[in-house]
C-alpha atoms as a PDB file:
ATOM      1  CA  MET A   1     -39.741  20.047  16.990  1.00  0.00           C
ATOM      2  CA  ARG A   2     -39.813  23.818  15.982  1.00  0.00           C
ATOM      3  CA  ARG A   3     -43.116  24.736  17.736  1.00  0.00           C
ATOM      4  CA  PRO A   4     -46.880  23.121  19.535  1.00  0.00           C
ATOM      5  CA  ALA A   5     -48.800  22.175  16.326  1.00  0.00           C
ATOM      6  CA  SER A   6     -52.317  21.218  15.993  1.00  0.00           C
ATOM      7  CA  LEU A   7     -52.579  18.113  14.830  1.00  0.00           C
ATOM      8  CA  THR A   8     -55.153  17.943  11.740  1.00  0.00           C
ATOM      9  CA  LEU A   9     -55.190  18.927   8.095  1.00  0.00           C
ATOM     10  CA  SER A  10     -54.689  17.383   4.430  1.00  0.00           C
ATOM     11  CA  LEU A  11     -52.541  18.341   2.248  1.00  0.00           C
ATOM     12  CA  LEU A  12     -52.427  18.581  -1.825  1.00  0.00           C
ATOM     13  CA  LEU A  13     -49.369  18.020  -1.211  1.00  0.00           C
ATOM     14  CA  MET A  14     -39.149  16.582   7.253  1.00  0.00           C
ATOM     15  CA  ALA A  15     -35.816  15.343   6.561  1.00  0.00           C
ATOM     16  CA  GLY A  16     -35.412  11.835   5.312  1.00  0.00           C
ATOM     17  CA  CYS A  17     -32.542   9.075   5.390  1.00  0.00           C
ATOM     18  CA  SER A  18     -28.821   9.630   4.074  1.00  0.00           C
ATOM     19  CA  SER A  19     -29.434   6.852   0.301  1.00  0.00           C
ATOM     20  CA  ALA A  20     -29.346   6.985  -2.980  1.00  0.00           C
ATOM     21  CA  ILE A  21     -31.759   4.873  -4.703  1.00  0.00           C
ATOM     22  CA  PRO A  22     -31.636   5.089  -8.889  1.00  0.00           C
ATOM     23  CA  ALA A  23     -33.925   7.045 -10.822  1.00  0.00           C
ATOM     24  CA  SER A  24     -34.230   8.905 -14.387  1.00  0.00           C
ATOM     25  CA  THR A  25     -32.556  12.092 -14.391  1.00  0.00           C
ATOM     26  CA  PRO A  26     -34.984  15.111 -13.782  1.00  0.00           C
ATOM     27  CA  HIS A  27     -35.445  16.704 -16.952  1.00  0.00           C
ATOM     28  CA  GLY A  28     -36.812  21.226 -16.864  1.00  0.00           C
ATOM     29  CA  GLY A  29     -35.524  23.668 -14.777  1.00  0.00           C
ATOM     30  CA  HIS A  30     -33.416  27.411 -14.410  1.00  0.00           C
ATOM     31  CA  ALA A  31     -32.692  29.426 -12.019  1.00  0.00           C
ATOM     32  CA  SER A  32     -28.890  27.787 -11.759  1.00  0.00           C
ATOM     33  CA  SER A  33     -26.230  27.711  -9.896  1.00  0.00           C
ATOM     34  CA  THR A  34     -22.294  26.294 -10.523  1.00  0.00           C
ATOM     35  CA  SER A  35     -19.323  27.030  -9.390  1.00  0.00           C
ATOM     36  CA  PRO A  36     -16.413  25.376 -11.639  1.00  0.00           C
ATOM     37  CA  GLY A  37     -13.988  24.790  -8.426  1.00  0.00           C
ATOM     38  CA  GLN A  38     -11.444  26.207  -7.910  1.00  0.00           C
ATOM     39  CA  ALA A  39      -7.001  25.245  -7.343  1.00  0.00           C
ATOM     40  CA  SER A  40      -6.357  23.768  -4.379  1.00  0.00           C
ATOM     41  CA  GLN A  41      -5.086  24.664  -1.403  1.00  0.00           C
ATOM     42  CA  PRO A  42      -3.009  22.405   0.703  1.00  0.00           C
ATOM     43  CA  GLY A  43      -5.780  20.105   3.668  1.00  0.00           C
ATOM     44  CA  GLN A  44      -8.521  21.265   1.297  1.00  0.00           C
ATOM     45  CA  PRO A  45     -10.957  18.998  -0.857  1.00  0.00           C
ATOM     46  CA  GLY A  46      -9.539  19.411  -4.624  1.00  0.00           C
ATOM     47  CA  PRO A  47     -11.775  21.252  -7.890  1.00  0.00           C
ATOM     48  CA  VAL A  48     -15.388  20.179  -7.807  1.00  0.00           C
ATOM     49  CA  LYS A  49     -18.282  21.736 -10.234  1.00  0.00           C
ATOM     50  CA  VAL A  50     -21.579  21.874  -7.728  1.00  0.00           C
ATOM     51  CA  THR A  51     -24.680  22.781  -9.586  1.00  0.00           C
ATOM     52  CA  ALA A  52     -27.707  23.560  -7.926  1.00  0.00           C
ATOM     53  CA  THR A  53     -31.305  24.580  -9.706  1.00  0.00           C
ATOM     54  CA  SER A  54     -34.769  25.942  -9.494  1.00  0.00           C
ATOM     55  CA  MET A  55     -37.186  23.350 -11.173  1.00  0.00           C
ATOM     56  CA  THR A  56     -39.569  25.389 -13.143  1.00  0.00           C
ATOM     57  CA  TRP A  57     -42.641  23.801 -11.620  1.00  0.00           C
ATOM     58  CA  SER A  58     -43.344  24.017  -7.647  1.00  0.00           C
ATOM     59  CA  LEU A  59     -45.032  22.062  -5.206  1.00  0.00           C
ATOM     60  CA  PRO A  60     -49.034  22.754  -4.896  1.00  0.00           C
ATOM     61  CA  ARG A  61     -48.510  23.900  -1.102  1.00  0.00           C
ATOM     62  CA  PRO A  62     -45.672  24.996   0.505  1.00  0.00           C
ATOM     63  CA  ILE A  63     -44.012  22.957   3.051  1.00  0.00           C
ATOM     64  CA  SER A  64     -40.980  22.509   5.221  1.00  0.00           C
ATOM     65  CA  ARG A  65     -39.858  19.929   7.761  1.00  0.00           C
ATOM     66  CA  GLU A  66     -41.558  16.880   6.274  1.00  0.00           C
ATOM     67  CA  VAL A  67     -39.920  12.987   5.275  1.00  0.00           C
ATOM     68  CA  VAL A  68     -38.618  12.911   1.753  1.00  0.00           C
ATOM     69  CA  LEU A  69     -37.157   8.984   0.393  1.00  0.00           C
ATOM     70  CA  GLY A  70     -36.323   8.050  -2.445  1.00  0.00           C
ATOM     71  CA  GLN A  71     -39.007   4.979  -4.275  1.00  0.00           C
ATOM     72  CA  GLY A  72     -38.039   3.969  -7.603  1.00  0.00           C
ATOM     73  CA  ASN A  73     -38.758   6.627  -9.593  1.00  0.00           C
ATOM     74  CA  GLN A  74     -40.271   9.069  -7.491  1.00  0.00           C
ATOM     75  CA  LEU A  75     -40.357  10.803  -4.540  1.00  0.00           C
ATOM     76  CA  VAL A  76     -42.517  10.178  -0.521  1.00  0.00           C
ATOM     77  CA  ILE A  77     -43.158  13.056   0.699  1.00  0.00           C
ATOM     78  CA  ALA A  78     -45.095  12.280   4.437  1.00  0.00           C
ATOM     79  CA  GLY A  79     -46.083  14.222   7.353  1.00  0.00           C
ATOM     80  CA  GLY A  80     -44.321  18.594   7.414  1.00  0.00           C
ATOM     81  CA  LEU A  81     -44.918  21.660   8.839  1.00  0.00           C
ATOM     82  CA  ALA A  82     -47.467  23.704   6.254  1.00  0.00           C
ATOM     83  CA  ALA A  83     -47.593  27.483   5.831  1.00  0.00           C
ATOM     84  CA  ASP A  84     -49.726  27.911   9.156  1.00  0.00           C
ATOM     85  CA  GLN A  85     -47.382  25.740  11.270  1.00  0.00           C
ATOM     86  CA  THR A  86     -50.073  23.188  10.927  1.00  0.00           C
ATOM     87  CA  THR A  87     -48.313  19.747  11.265  1.00  0.00           C
ATOM     88  CA  THR A  88     -49.601  17.475   8.284  1.00  0.00           C
ATOM     89  CA  SER A  89     -50.401  13.264   8.093  1.00  0.00           C
ATOM     90  CA  GLY A  90     -50.395  13.498   4.281  1.00  0.00           C
ATOM     91  CA  VAL A  91     -48.035  11.293   2.581  1.00  0.00           C
ATOM     92  CA  PHE A  92     -47.906  11.772  -1.248  1.00  0.00           C
ATOM     93  CA  LEU A  93     -46.212  10.541  -4.329  1.00  0.00           C
ATOM     94  CA  LEU A  94     -43.290  13.586  -6.558  1.00  0.00           C
ATOM     95  CA  ASP A  95     -42.637  12.827 -10.246  1.00  0.00           C
ATOM     96  CA  PRO A  96     -39.464  14.386 -10.409  1.00  0.00           C
ATOM     97  CA  VAL A  97     -39.836  14.644 -14.524  1.00  0.00           C
ATOM     98  CA  SER A  98     -43.374  16.299 -13.993  1.00  0.00           C
ATOM     99  CA  GLY A  99     -43.552  17.922 -11.475  1.00  0.00           C
ATOM    100  CA  GLN A 100     -46.004  15.992 -10.667  1.00  0.00           C
ATOM    101  CA  LEU A 101     -48.157  15.144  -7.424  1.00  0.00           C
ATOM    102  CA  SER A 102     -50.147  12.226  -6.280  1.00  0.00           C
ATOM    103  CA  PRO A 103     -52.177  11.523  -2.838  1.00  0.00           C
ATOM    104  CA  ALA A 104     -50.903   8.280  -1.627  1.00  0.00           C
ATOM    105  CA  GLY A 105     -52.333   7.874   2.286  1.00  0.00           C
ATOM    106  CA  GLN A 106     -51.972   9.326   5.469  1.00  0.00           C
ATOM    107  CA  LEU A 107     -49.257   8.286   8.582  1.00  0.00           C
ATOM    108  CA  ALA A 108     -51.054   7.395  11.447  1.00  0.00           C
ATOM    109  CA  THR A 109     -49.588  10.125  13.752  1.00  0.00           C
ATOM    110  CA  PRO A 110     -48.695  13.874  11.959  1.00  0.00           C
ATOM    111  CA  VAL A 111     -45.241  14.680  12.362  1.00  0.00           C
ATOM    112  CA  HIS A 112     -42.679  17.502  11.479  1.00  0.00           C
ATOM    113  CA  ASP A 113     -39.186  17.705  12.414  1.00  0.00           C
ATOM    114  CA  ALA A 114     -39.305  13.559  11.726  1.00  0.00           C
ATOM    115  CA  ALA A 115     -36.620  10.990  10.446  1.00  0.00           C
ATOM    116  CA  GLY A 116     -37.031   8.178   7.732  1.00  0.00           C
ATOM    117  CA  ALA A 117     -36.166   4.958   6.459  1.00  0.00           C
ATOM    118  CA  ALA A 118     -36.546   3.019   3.246  1.00  0.00           C
ATOM    119  CA  LEU A 119     -35.681  -0.044   4.572  1.00  0.00           C
ATOM    120  CA  PRO A 120     -35.812  -3.494   3.636  1.00  0.00           C
ATOM    121  CA  SER A 121     -38.317  -4.349   6.391  1.00  0.00           C
ATOM    122  CA  GLY A 122     -40.485  -1.171   4.724  1.00  0.00           C
ATOM    123  CA  ASP A 123     -40.345   2.272   5.403  1.00  0.00           C
ATOM    124  CA  PHE A 124     -40.685   4.007   8.239  1.00  0.00           C
ATOM    125  CA  VAL A 125     -41.013   7.574  10.047  1.00  0.00           C
ATOM    126  CA  PHE A 126     -39.399   7.314  13.470  1.00  0.00           C
ATOM    127  CA  GLY A 127     -40.562   9.741  16.261  1.00  0.00           C
ATOM    128  CA  GLY A 128     -40.785  13.590  14.896  1.00  0.00           C
ATOM    129  CA  GLY A 129     -43.309  16.149  16.825  1.00  0.00           C
ATOM    130  CA  ALA A 130     -47.020  18.314  16.601  1.00  0.00           C
ATOM    131  CA  ALA A 131     -48.439  19.182  20.198  1.00  0.00           C
ATOM    132  CA  SER A 132     -45.245  17.081  21.662  1.00  0.00           C
ATOM    133  CA  THR A 133     -42.307  15.516  20.841  1.00  0.00           C
ATOM    134  CA  ILE A 134     -43.472  10.883  20.430  1.00  0.00           C
ATOM    135  CA  SER A 135     -41.290   7.840  20.637  1.00  0.00           C
ATOM    136  CA  ALA A 136     -43.758   6.697  18.286  1.00  0.00           C
ATOM    137  CA  VAL A 137     -42.406   4.835  14.853  1.00  0.00           C
ATOM    138  CA  GLN A 138     -45.189   4.335  11.795  1.00  0.00           C
ATOM    139  CA  GLY A 139     -44.402   2.428   9.564  1.00  0.00           C
ATOM    140  CA  PHE A 140     -46.353   2.819   5.690  1.00  0.00           C
ATOM    141  CA  SER A 141     -46.431   1.962   2.639  1.00  0.00           C
ATOM    142  CA  PRO A 142     -48.017   5.349  -0.366  1.00  0.00           C
ATOM    143  CA  GLY A 143     -50.994   4.008  -1.110  1.00  0.00           C
ATOM    144  CA  GLY A 144     -51.404   1.160   1.472  1.00  0.00           C
ATOM    145  CA  GLY A 145     -51.946   2.808   4.394  1.00  0.00           C
ATOM    146  CA  SER A 146     -49.726   3.568   7.683  1.00  0.00           C
ATOM    147  CA  HIS A 147     -49.412   1.587  11.688  1.00  0.00           C
ATOM    148  CA  VAL A 148     -47.563   2.239  14.529  1.00  0.00           C
ATOM    149  CA  SER A 149     -45.453   0.004  14.236  1.00  0.00           C
ATOM    150  CA  GLY A 150     -42.324   0.626  17.742  1.00  0.00           C
ATOM    151  CA  HIS A 151     -41.412   2.829  19.679  1.00  0.00           C
ATOM    152  CA  LEU A 152     -38.053   4.630  20.607  1.00  0.00           C
ATOM    153  CA  PRO A 153     -36.590   3.716  23.131  1.00  0.00           C
ATOM    154  CA  GLN A 154     -37.582   7.847  24.141  1.00  0.00           C
ATOM    155  CA  PRO A 155     -39.381  10.525  22.649  1.00  0.00           C
ATOM    156  CA  ARG A 156     -36.928  12.125  19.710  1.00  0.00           C
ATOM    157  CA  SER A 157     -37.778  15.284  16.634  1.00  0.00           C
ATOM    158  CA  ASP A 158     -35.307  16.866  15.135  1.00  0.00           C
ATOM    159  CA  LEU A 159     -33.030  14.037  14.607  1.00  0.00           C
ATOM    160  CA  VAL A 160     -31.776  12.507  11.221  1.00  0.00           C
ATOM    161  CA  CYS A 161     -31.556   9.354   9.672  1.00  0.00           C
ATOM    162  CA  ALA A 162     -28.451   7.162   7.805  1.00  0.00           C
ATOM    163  CA  VAL A 163     -28.995   4.049   6.718  1.00  0.00           C
ATOM    164  CA  VAL A 164     -26.189   1.669   5.999  1.00  0.00           C
ATOM    165  CA  ASP A 165     -25.631  -1.983   4.822  1.00  0.00           C
ATOM    166  CA  GLY A 166     -29.436  -2.011   5.684  1.00  0.00           C
ATOM    167  CA  ARG A 167     -30.103  -0.653   8.985  1.00  0.00           C
ATOM    168  CA  ALA A 168     -30.966   2.685   9.733  1.00  0.00           C
ATOM    169  CA  PHE A 169     -29.059   4.495  12.244  1.00  0.00           C
ATOM    170  CA  LEU A 170     -30.632   7.482  14.097  1.00  0.00           C
ATOM    171  CA  LEU A 171     -28.674  10.480  15.280  1.00  0.00           C
ATOM    172  CA  GLY A 172     -29.599  13.280  17.018  1.00  0.00           C
ATOM    173  CA  GLY A 173     -32.824  14.817  17.692  1.00  0.00           C
ATOM    174  CA  TYR A 174     -34.500  16.151  21.020  1.00  0.00           C
ATOM    175  CA  ASP A 175     -36.788  14.699  23.397  1.00  0.00           C
ATOM    176  CA  GLY A 176     -38.741  17.536  25.042  1.00  0.00           C
ATOM    177  CA  SER A 177     -36.260  18.653  27.298  1.00  0.00           C
ATOM    178  CA  VAL A 178     -32.710  17.342  26.441  1.00  0.00           C
ATOM    179  CA  MET A 179     -30.661  16.497  23.461  1.00  0.00           C
ATOM    180  CA  ALA A 180     -30.096  13.431  22.429  1.00  0.00           C
ATOM    181  CA  ALA A 181     -26.189  11.640  22.431  1.00  0.00           C
ATOM    182  CA  ALA A 182     -27.496   8.040  21.554  1.00  0.00           C
ATOM    183  CA  VAL A 183     -26.911   6.731  18.117  1.00  0.00           C
ATOM    184  CA  LEU A 184     -29.059   3.974  17.943  1.00  0.00           C
ATOM    185  CA  ALA A 185     -29.773   1.600  14.970  1.00  0.00           C
ATOM    186  CA  THR A 186     -32.440  -0.911  13.774  1.00  0.00           C
ATOM    187  CA  SER A 187     -33.568  -2.644  11.150  1.00  0.00           C
ATOM    188  CA  ASP A 188     -37.283  -3.421  11.910  1.00  0.00           C
ATOM    189  CA  GLY A 189     -38.165  -0.644  13.135  1.00  0.00           C
ATOM    190  CA  ARG A 190     -39.133  -2.432  16.493  1.00  0.00           C
ATOM    191  CA  THR A 191     -35.947  -2.904  18.118  1.00  0.00           C
ATOM    192  CA  PHE A 192     -33.083  -0.501  18.756  1.00  0.00           C
ATOM    193  CA  THR A 193     -29.995  -0.365  19.706  1.00  0.00           C
ATOM    194  CA  THR A 194     -27.383   2.543  21.012  1.00  0.00           C
ATOM    195  CA  VAL A 195     -24.215   1.863  19.110  1.00  0.00           C
ATOM    196  CA  ALA A 196     -22.832   5.187  19.831  1.00  0.00           C
ATOM    197  CA  ASN A 197     -22.818   8.544  21.800  1.00  0.00           C
ATOM    198  CA  LEU A 198     -22.314  11.840  19.942  1.00  0.00           C
ATOM    199  CA  PRO A 199     -19.032  13.655  21.757  1.00  0.00           C
ATOM    200  CA  VAL A 200     -21.575  16.640  20.640  1.00  0.00           C
ATOM    201  CA  PRO A 201     -25.331  15.883  21.175  1.00  0.00           C
ATOM    202  CA  VAL A 202     -26.695  18.281  18.812  1.00  0.00           C
ATOM    203  CA  ARG A 203     -30.481  19.024  17.100  1.00  0.00           C
ATOM    204  CA  TYR A 204     -30.985  19.543  13.185  1.00  0.00           C
ATOM    205  CA  PRO A 205     -27.660  19.037  12.477  1.00  0.00           C
ATOM    206  CA  ALA A 206     -27.118  17.502   8.315  1.00  0.00           C
ATOM    207  CA  VAL A 207     -26.249  13.606   7.425  1.00  0.00           C
ATOM    208  CA  ALA A 208     -24.383  12.004   4.700  1.00  0.00           C
ATOM    209  CA  THR A 209     -22.466   9.089   4.607  1.00  0.00           C
ATOM    210  CA  VAL A 210     -19.208   8.297   3.551  1.00  0.00           C
ATOM    211  CA  GLY A 211     -18.139   4.081   2.405  1.00  0.00           C
ATOM    212  CA  SER A 212     -19.894   2.950   6.573  1.00  0.00           C
ATOM    213  CA  ASP A 213     -19.138   5.851   7.944  1.00  0.00           C
ATOM    214  CA  ILE A 214     -21.620   8.189   8.607  1.00  0.00           C
ATOM    215  CA  TYR A 215     -20.599  12.291   9.686  1.00  0.00           C
ATOM    216  CA  LEU A 216     -23.109  14.945  11.265  1.00  0.00           C
ATOM    217  CA  PHE A 217     -22.464  18.503   9.786  1.00  0.00           C
ATOM    218  CA  GLY A 218     -23.432  21.528  12.911  1.00  0.00           C
ATOM    219  CA  GLY A 219     -26.627  21.525  13.782  1.00  0.00           C
ATOM    220  CA  GLU A 220     -27.688  22.948  17.105  1.00  0.00           C
ATOM    221  CA  HIS A 221     -26.518  22.274  20.693  1.00  0.00           C
ATOM    222  CA  SER A 222     -26.959  23.684  24.130  1.00  0.00           C
ATOM    223  CA  GLY A 223     -28.937  26.538  22.893  1.00  0.00           C
ATOM    224  CA  VAL A 224     -26.001  27.768  19.574  1.00  0.00           C
ATOM    225  CA  ASP A 225     -25.595  26.141  16.484  1.00  0.00           C
ATOM    226  CA  THR A 226     -22.490  24.365  16.566  1.00  0.00           C
ATOM    227  CA  THR A 227     -19.802  23.819  13.620  1.00  0.00           C
ATOM    228  CA  ALA A 228     -18.422  20.364  15.037  1.00  0.00           C
ATOM    229  CA  ILE A 229     -18.583  17.565  12.030  1.00  0.00           C
ATOM    230  CA  GLN A 230     -18.667  14.363  13.727  1.00  0.00           C
ATOM    231  CA  ARG A 231     -17.556  10.778  12.026  1.00  0.00           C
ATOM    232  CA  ILE A 232     -19.569   7.954  13.727  1.00  0.00           C
ATOM    233  CA  ASP A 233     -18.352   3.701  12.918  1.00  0.00           C
ATOM    234  CA  PRO A 234     -21.202   1.898  13.888  1.00  0.00           C
ATOM    235  CA  ALA A 235     -19.281  -1.448  13.463  1.00  0.00           C
ATOM    236  CA  SER A 236     -16.735   0.571  15.956  1.00  0.00           C
ATOM    237  CA  GLY A 237     -18.586   2.342  18.123  1.00  0.00           C
ATOM    238  CA  GLN A 238     -16.969   4.954  17.568  1.00  0.00           C
ATOM    239  CA  ALA A 239     -18.018   8.249  17.491  1.00  0.00           C
ATOM    240  CA  THR A 240     -15.126  11.152  17.122  1.00  0.00           C
ATOM    241  CA  VAL A 241     -15.485  15.188  16.360  1.00  0.00           C
ATOM    242  CA  VAL A 242     -12.569  14.572  13.244  1.00  0.00           C
ATOM    243  CA  GLY A 243     -12.753  18.287  12.054  1.00  0.00           C
ATOM    244  CA  HIS A 244     -15.454  22.356  11.628  1.00  0.00           C
ATOM    245  CA  LEU A 245     -17.712  24.509   9.521  1.00  0.00           C
ATOM    246  CA  PRO A 246     -16.059  27.678   7.993  1.00  0.00           C
ATOM    247  CA  ALA A 247     -19.203  28.954  10.738  1.00  0.00           C
ATOM    248  CA  PRO A 248     -21.595  27.932  12.888  1.00  0.00           C
ATOM    249  CA  LEU A 249     -25.095  26.035  10.693  1.00  0.00           C
ATOM    250  CA  ALA A 250     -27.855  24.092  11.515  1.00  0.00           C
ATOM    251  CA  HIS A 251     -30.484  23.026   9.282  1.00  0.00           C
ATOM    252  CA  ALA A 252     -28.800  22.123   6.718  1.00  0.00           C
ATOM    253  CA  SER A 253     -29.174  19.491   3.474  1.00  0.00           C
ATOM    254  CA  ALA A 254     -26.401  16.925   2.855  1.00  0.00           C
ATOM    255  CA  ALA A 255     -25.431  14.049   0.514  1.00  0.00           C
ATOM    256  CA  THR A 256     -22.797  12.596  -1.202  1.00  0.00           C
ATOM    257  CA  LEU A 257     -23.033  12.502  -4.064  1.00  0.00           C
ATOM    258  CA  GLY A 258     -20.734  10.207  -6.743  1.00  0.00           C
ATOM    259  CA  GLY A 259     -18.215  10.402  -4.127  1.00  0.00           C
ATOM    260  CA  THR A 260     -18.613  14.876  -3.174  1.00  0.00           C
ATOM    261  CA  VAL A 261     -20.096  14.996   0.112  1.00  0.00           C
ATOM    262  CA  VAL A 262     -22.253  18.288  -0.491  1.00  0.00           C
ATOM    263  CA  ILE A 263     -24.203  20.578   2.789  1.00  0.00           C
ATOM    264  CA  ALA A 264     -26.665  22.781   1.175  1.00  0.00           C
ATOM    265  CA  GLY A 265     -28.451  25.327   2.865  1.00  0.00           C
ATOM    266  CA  GLY A 266     -29.007  25.784   5.789  1.00  0.00           C
ATOM    267  CA  ARG A 267     -29.187  28.912   9.084  1.00  0.00           C
ATOM    268  CA  LEU A 268     -25.035  30.219   8.975  1.00  0.00           C
ATOM    269  CA  ASP A 269     -25.231  30.905  12.719  1.00  0.00           C
ATOM    270  CA  THR A 270     -29.242  31.359  12.432  1.00  0.00           C
ATOM    271  CA  VAL A 271     -28.550  33.540   9.089  1.00  0.00           C
ATOM    272  CA  VAL A 272     -30.917  30.729   6.183  1.00  0.00           C
ATOM    273  CA  THR A 273     -28.039  30.910   2.930  1.00  0.00           C
ATOM    274  CA  ASP A 274     -27.393  29.780  -0.049  1.00  0.00           C
ATOM    275  CA  GLN A 275     -24.376  27.790   0.507  1.00  0.00           C
ATOM    276  CA  ILE A 276     -22.912  24.721  -0.934  1.00  0.00           C
ATOM    277  CA  LEU A 277     -20.051  23.444   0.782  1.00  0.00           C
ATOM    278  CA  VAL A 278     -17.873  20.548   0.274  1.00  0.00           C
ATOM    279  CA  PHE A 279     -16.751  18.015   2.469  1.00  0.00           C
ATOM    280  CA  ASP A 280     -12.830  16.173   2.234  1.00  0.00           C
ATOM    281  CA  PRO A 281     -13.405  13.632   5.047  1.00  0.00           C
ATOM    282  CA  THR A 282      -9.919  13.118   4.380  1.00  0.00           C
ATOM    283  CA  THR A 283      -8.646  15.904   5.909  1.00  0.00           C
ATOM    284  CA  GLY A 284     -12.520  16.895   7.940  1.00  0.00           C
ATOM    285  CA  ARG A 285     -12.151  20.520   6.127  1.00  0.00           C
ATOM    286  CA  THR A 286     -15.055  21.689   3.950  1.00  0.00           C
ATOM    287  CA  ARG A 287     -14.978  24.268   1.495  1.00  0.00           C
ATOM    288  CA  LEU A 288     -17.430  26.736  -0.526  1.00  0.00           C
ATOM    289  CA  ALA A 289     -18.179  24.784  -3.797  1.00  0.00           C
ATOM    290  CA  GLY A 290     -21.680  26.999  -4.814  1.00  0.00           C
ATOM    291  CA  HIS A 291     -24.232  28.186  -4.812  1.00  0.00           C
ATOM    292  CA  LEU A 292     -28.227  27.524  -3.856  1.00  0.00           C
ATOM    293  CA  PRO A 293     -30.828  29.716  -6.488  1.00  0.00           C
ATOM    294  CA  ARG A 294     -32.421  31.272  -3.331  1.00  0.00           C
ATOM    295  CA  PRO A 295     -31.212  30.262   0.279  1.00  0.00           C
ATOM    296  CA  GLU A 296     -33.586  27.643   2.321  1.00  0.00           C
ATOM    297  CA  ALA A 297     -33.170  25.399   5.218  1.00  0.00           C
ATOM    298  CA  ASP A 298     -35.219  23.332   6.500  1.00  0.00           C
ATOM    299  CA  ALA A 299     -36.269  21.380   3.420  1.00  0.00           C
ATOM    300  CA  GLY A 300     -37.124  17.561   3.309  1.00  0.00           C
ATOM    301  CA  SER A 301     -34.485  16.158   1.315  1.00  0.00           C
ATOM    302  CA  ALA A 302     -33.039  12.472  -0.896  1.00  0.00           C
ATOM    303  CA  VAL A 303     -31.144  11.262  -2.720  1.00  0.00           C
ATOM    304  CA  LEU A 304     -32.360   9.725  -6.255  1.00  0.00           C
ATOM    305  CA  GLY A 305     -30.403   8.964  -8.952  1.00  0.00           C
ATOM    306  CA  GLY A 306     -27.676  10.672  -8.313  1.00  0.00           C
ATOM    307  CA  VAL A 307     -28.793  13.877  -7.442  1.00  0.00           C
ATOM    308  CA  LEU A 308     -29.975  15.930  -4.257  1.00  0.00           C
ATOM    309  CA  TRP A 309     -33.586  16.526  -4.342  1.00  0.00           C
ATOM    310  CA  LEU A 310     -34.254  19.434  -1.302  1.00  0.00           C
ATOM    311  CA  VAL A 311     -38.163  19.358  -1.315  1.00  0.00           C
ATOM    312  CA  GLY A 312     -39.864  22.661   0.005  1.00  0.00           C
ATOM    313  CA  GLY A 313     -38.449  24.512   3.250  1.00  0.00           C
ATOM    314  CA  GLU A 314     -38.050  27.857   5.318  1.00  0.00           C
ATOM    315  CA  ASP A 315     -36.302  31.499   4.935  1.00  0.00           C
ATOM    316  CA  GLY A 316     -38.416  33.015   6.623  1.00  0.00           C
ATOM    317  CA  THR A 317     -41.647  31.487   4.742  1.00  0.00           C
ATOM    318  CA  THR A 318     -42.185  28.475   4.256  1.00  0.00           C
ATOM    319  CA  LEU A 319     -41.304  27.293   1.279  1.00  0.00           C
ATOM    320  CA  LYS A 320     -42.932  25.057  -2.341  1.00  0.00           C
ATOM    321  CA  THR A 321     -39.499  25.275  -4.902  1.00  0.00           C
ATOM    322  CA  VAL A 322     -38.184  22.080  -5.269  1.00  0.00           C
ATOM    323  CA  ILE A 323     -33.921  22.135  -5.602  1.00  0.00           C
ATOM    324  CA  THR A 324     -31.579  19.622  -7.551  1.00  0.00           C
ATOM    325  CA  VAL A 325     -28.040  19.438  -7.159  1.00  0.00           C
ATOM    326  CA  THR A 326     -25.223  18.238  -8.609  1.00  0.00           C
ATOM    327  CA  ALA A 327     -21.580  17.076  -8.067  1.00  0.00           C
END
């Protein structure tokens, strides 16, 4: 959680679960940044073309640290921080083709730095913060209201989520005094099981899935950014450090796109960056594969139609831009 903030604001108009949902192909963009890939070196990922594009439209208001989920052919935006650092409760539907944003309700409790998941049992926002870190799990349906459906075992903000086989796995975060090591799993937003413990507890990591394995990239550990790449096997309960990033990184976004794991933006040793890295799970190594149109961190993100969508974010100010990343 970034800082205490008031609990009231309605926006026209942070981090969603790592999962992909089919949708229509995005149209309209500019400021495209592309890397054609380079000859691979021994132990490095092979050539990958990564393209990042700013959409020609933008959000009506700046937002960061919100939950973003894919639903059908739209993006769901829930909560987040406004430009004045006020925690918001608004739920909106974003059409990724036209950029049209439609109000779709309110969360029961305003939050930012939460995690979210679209599960067979419903859509959920897990934890987060406002005036303080909370344990509430909010079930919601765009256009159908929101309610507190359960509670995490402890308060937790600054966490991320990955969906594997219909279950949401909550990783990393902060309980208001210490970082959380326990990896929690739930299928209903009410009951939680600890399936592993992180060897390097972190807040603000990036998360992606490869098959049934979950990978965490960087994050803040003991007050400083880390280079650790951690792999979690939910089936065995094993969590290990399998590699290191080229430099300490936190507040980034990650996803698996067409078999390629990309890590976009974030704070590179505390400085907001435009870098896009690709990760090879067979070697545990990463390399630079492209650049975002602009540096940004703390964007709400989700995969829709095989595309990583970065919604809002921060670069020293709060942003209203929307960027797509393809590989």
